[in-house]
Amino acid sequence: MNSRTQQGYLLLADISGYTSFLTEAELDHAREIIADLLEVITARLRSLVTIAKLEGDAVFTYRAVFFPRFAILKPFARPILRMLY
């Protein structure tokens, strides 16, 4: 195991309204829709970050990279925000 400290960024993409959607929609269809949506999210994020875990309605990702100033982070964050919103 590598115990070296790394710097980077974490991103948690979470589907808003997940619980209410599951309770209001037919369960079989709701699960299929959520699975399809998570598949699209992970496919788009995969080129920008490492997918660490899928949990329910969330995609946990990271990017081990050092940005010495926040301004350098903008080009990295902009495509992610554009894709999610």
C-alpha atoms as a PDB file:
ATOM      1  CA  MET A   1       0.000   0.000   0.000  1.00  0.00           C
ATOM      2  CA  ASN A   2       1.297   3.439  -0.923  1.00  0.00           C
ATOM      3  CA  SER A   3       1.227   5.697   2.129  1.00  0.00           C
ATOM      4  CA  ARG A   4       2.499   8.760   0.276  1.00  0.00           C
ATOM      5  CA  THR A   5       0.288  11.802   0.752  1.00  0.00           C
ATOM      6  CA  GLN A   6      -1.151  13.107  -2.507  1.00  0.00           C
ATOM      7  CA  GLN A   7      -2.956  16.298  -3.328  1.00  0.00           C
ATOM      8  CA  GLY A   8      -5.995  16.458  -5.513  1.00  0.00           C
ATOM      9  CA  TYR A   9      -9.700  17.046  -5.714  1.00  0.00           C
ATOM     10  CA  LEU A  10     -12.788  15.048  -4.818  1.00  0.00           C
ATOM     11  CA  LEU A  11     -16.079  15.236  -6.671  1.00  0.00           C
ATOM     12  CA  LEU A  12     -19.343  13.729  -5.501  1.00  0.00           C
ATOM     13  CA  ALA A  13     -22.020  13.782  -8.193  1.00  0.00           C
ATOM     14  CA  ASP A  14     -25.339  13.182  -6.444  1.00  0.00           C
ATOM     15  CA  ILE A  15     -28.768  12.897  -8.085  1.00  0.00           C
ATOM     16  CA  SER A  16     -31.178  15.381  -6.478  1.00  0.00           C
ATOM     17  CA  GLY A  17     -34.611  13.985  -5.594  1.00  0.00           C
ATOM     18  CA  TYR A  18     -33.443  10.371  -5.734  1.00  0.00           C
ATOM     19  CA  THR A  19     -35.414   9.126  -2.723  1.00  0.00           C
ATOM     20  CA  SER A  20     -38.665  10.843  -3.674  1.00  0.00           C
ATOM     21  CA  PHE A  21     -38.284   9.607  -7.262  1.00  0.00           C
ATOM     22  CA  LEU A  22     -37.899   6.021  -6.059  1.00  0.00           C
ATOM     23  CA  THR A  23     -40.955   6.276  -3.807  1.00  0.00           C
ATOM     24  CA  GLU A  24     -43.155   7.934  -6.443  1.00  0.00           C
ATOM     25  CA  ALA A  25     -42.162   5.912  -9.515  1.00  0.00           C
ATOM     26  CA  GLU A  26     -42.705   2.243 -10.237  1.00  0.00           C
ATOM     27  CA  LEU A  27     -39.692   0.606  -8.590  1.00  0.00           C
ATOM     28  CA  ASP A  28     -38.521  -1.495 -11.578  1.00  0.00           C
ATOM     29  CA  HIS A  29     -38.638   1.470 -13.946  1.00  0.00           C
ATOM     30  CA  ALA A  30     -37.116   3.843 -11.406  1.00  0.00           C
ATOM     31  CA  ARG A  31     -34.095   1.602 -10.906  1.00  0.00           C
ATOM     32  CA  GLU A  32     -33.573   1.297 -14.666  1.00  0.00           C
ATOM     33  CA  ILE A  33     -33.791   5.068 -15.119  1.00  0.00           C
ATOM     34  CA  ILE A  34     -31.355   5.742 -12.254  1.00  0.00           C
ATOM     35  CA  ALA A  35     -28.942   3.105 -13.615  1.00  0.00           C
ATOM     36  CA  ASP A  36     -29.060   4.718 -17.073  1.00  0.00           C
ATOM     37  CA  LEU A  37     -28.509   8.182 -15.615  1.00  0.00           C
ATOM     38  CA  LEU A  38     -25.540   6.994 -13.528  1.00  0.00           C
ATOM     39  CA  GLU A  39     -24.093   5.336 -16.623  1.00  0.00           C
ATOM     40  CA  VAL A  40     -24.240   8.635 -18.532  1.00  0.00           C
ATOM     41  CA  ILE A  41     -22.689  10.548 -15.619  1.00  0.00           C
ATOM     42  CA  THR A  42     -19.814   8.084 -15.213  1.00  0.00           C
ATOM     43  CA  ALA A  43     -19.157   7.930 -18.958  1.00  0.00           C
ATOM     44  CA  ARG A  44     -18.818  11.705 -19.163  1.00  0.00           C
ATOM     45  CA  LEU A  45     -16.744  12.065 -15.993  1.00  0.00           C
ATOM     46  CA  ARG A  46     -14.388   9.169 -16.769  1.00  0.00           C
ATOM     47  CA  SER A  47     -12.151  11.246 -19.071  1.00  0.00           C
ATOM     48  CA  LEU A  48     -11.716  13.957 -16.413  1.00  0.00           C
ATOM     49  CA  VAL A  49     -11.507  12.089 -13.111  1.00  0.00           C
ATOM     50  CA  THR A  50     -11.088   8.607 -11.651  1.00  0.00           C
ATOM     51  CA  ILE A  51     -14.346   6.916 -10.673  1.00  0.00           C
ATOM     52  CA  ALA A  52     -13.804   5.599  -7.138  1.00  0.00           C
ATOM     53  CA  LYS A  53     -17.244   4.300  -6.186  1.00  0.00           C
ATOM     54  CA  LEU A  54     -20.918   4.223  -7.128  1.00  0.00           C
ATOM     55  CA  GLU A  55     -23.230   4.294  -4.136  1.00  0.00           C
ATOM     56  CA  GLY A  56     -27.013   4.493  -4.584  1.00  0.00           C
ATOM     57  CA  ASP A  57     -27.535   7.759  -6.440  1.00  0.00           C
ATOM     58  CA  ALA A  58     -23.996   9.087  -6.134  1.00  0.00           C
ATOM     59  CA  VAL A  59     -20.760   8.857  -8.072  1.00  0.00           C
ATOM     60  CA  PHE A  60     -17.640   9.468  -5.979  1.00  0.00           C
ATOM     61  CA  THR A  61     -14.621  10.555  -8.018  1.00  0.00           C
ATOM     62  CA  TYR A  62     -11.183  12.024  -7.512  1.00  0.00           C
ATOM     63  CA  ARG A  63      -8.310  13.522  -9.434  1.00  0.00           C
ATOM     64  CA  ALA A  64      -4.870  13.291  -7.864  1.00  0.00           C
ATOM     65  CA  VAL A  65      -3.259  16.440  -9.152  1.00  0.00           C
ATOM     66  CA  PHE A  66      -1.835  19.542  -7.574  1.00  0.00           C
ATOM     67  CA  PHE A  67      -3.195  22.952  -8.581  1.00  0.00           C
ATOM     68  CA  PRO A  68      -1.059  25.602  -6.874  1.00  0.00           C
ATOM     69  CA  ARG A  69      -3.705  28.290  -7.407  1.00  0.00           C
ATOM     70  CA  PHE A  70      -7.471  28.061  -7.646  1.00  0.00           C
ATOM     71  CA  ALA A  71      -7.470  29.859 -11.025  1.00  0.00           C
ATOM     72  CA  ILE A  72      -5.733  26.848 -12.558  1.00  0.00           C
ATOM     73  CA  LEU A  73      -8.615  24.652 -11.367  1.00  0.00           C
ATOM     74  CA  LYS A  74     -11.186  26.476 -13.540  1.00  0.00           C
ATOM     75  CA  PRO A  75     -10.361  24.682 -16.844  1.00  0.00           C
ATOM     76  CA  PHE A  76     -10.657  21.362 -15.024  1.00  0.00           C
ATOM     77  CA  ALA A  77     -13.924  22.228 -13.258  1.00  0.00           C
ATOM     78  CA  ARG A  78     -15.694  23.997 -16.132  1.00  0.00           C
ATOM     79  CA  PRO A  79     -16.388  20.873 -18.289  1.00  0.00           C
ATOM     80  CA  ILE A  80     -17.585  18.952 -15.242  1.00  0.00           C
ATOM     81  CA  LEU A  81     -19.994  21.697 -14.211  1.00  0.00           C
ATOM     82  CA  ARG A  82     -21.220  22.123 -17.790  1.00  0.00           C
ATOM     83  CA  MET A  83     -21.916  18.393 -18.012  1.00  0.00           C
ATOM     84  CA  LEU A  84     -23.752  18.186 -14.689  1.00  0.00           C
ATOM     85  CA  TYR A  85     -25.933  21.295 -15.041  1.00  0.00           C
END
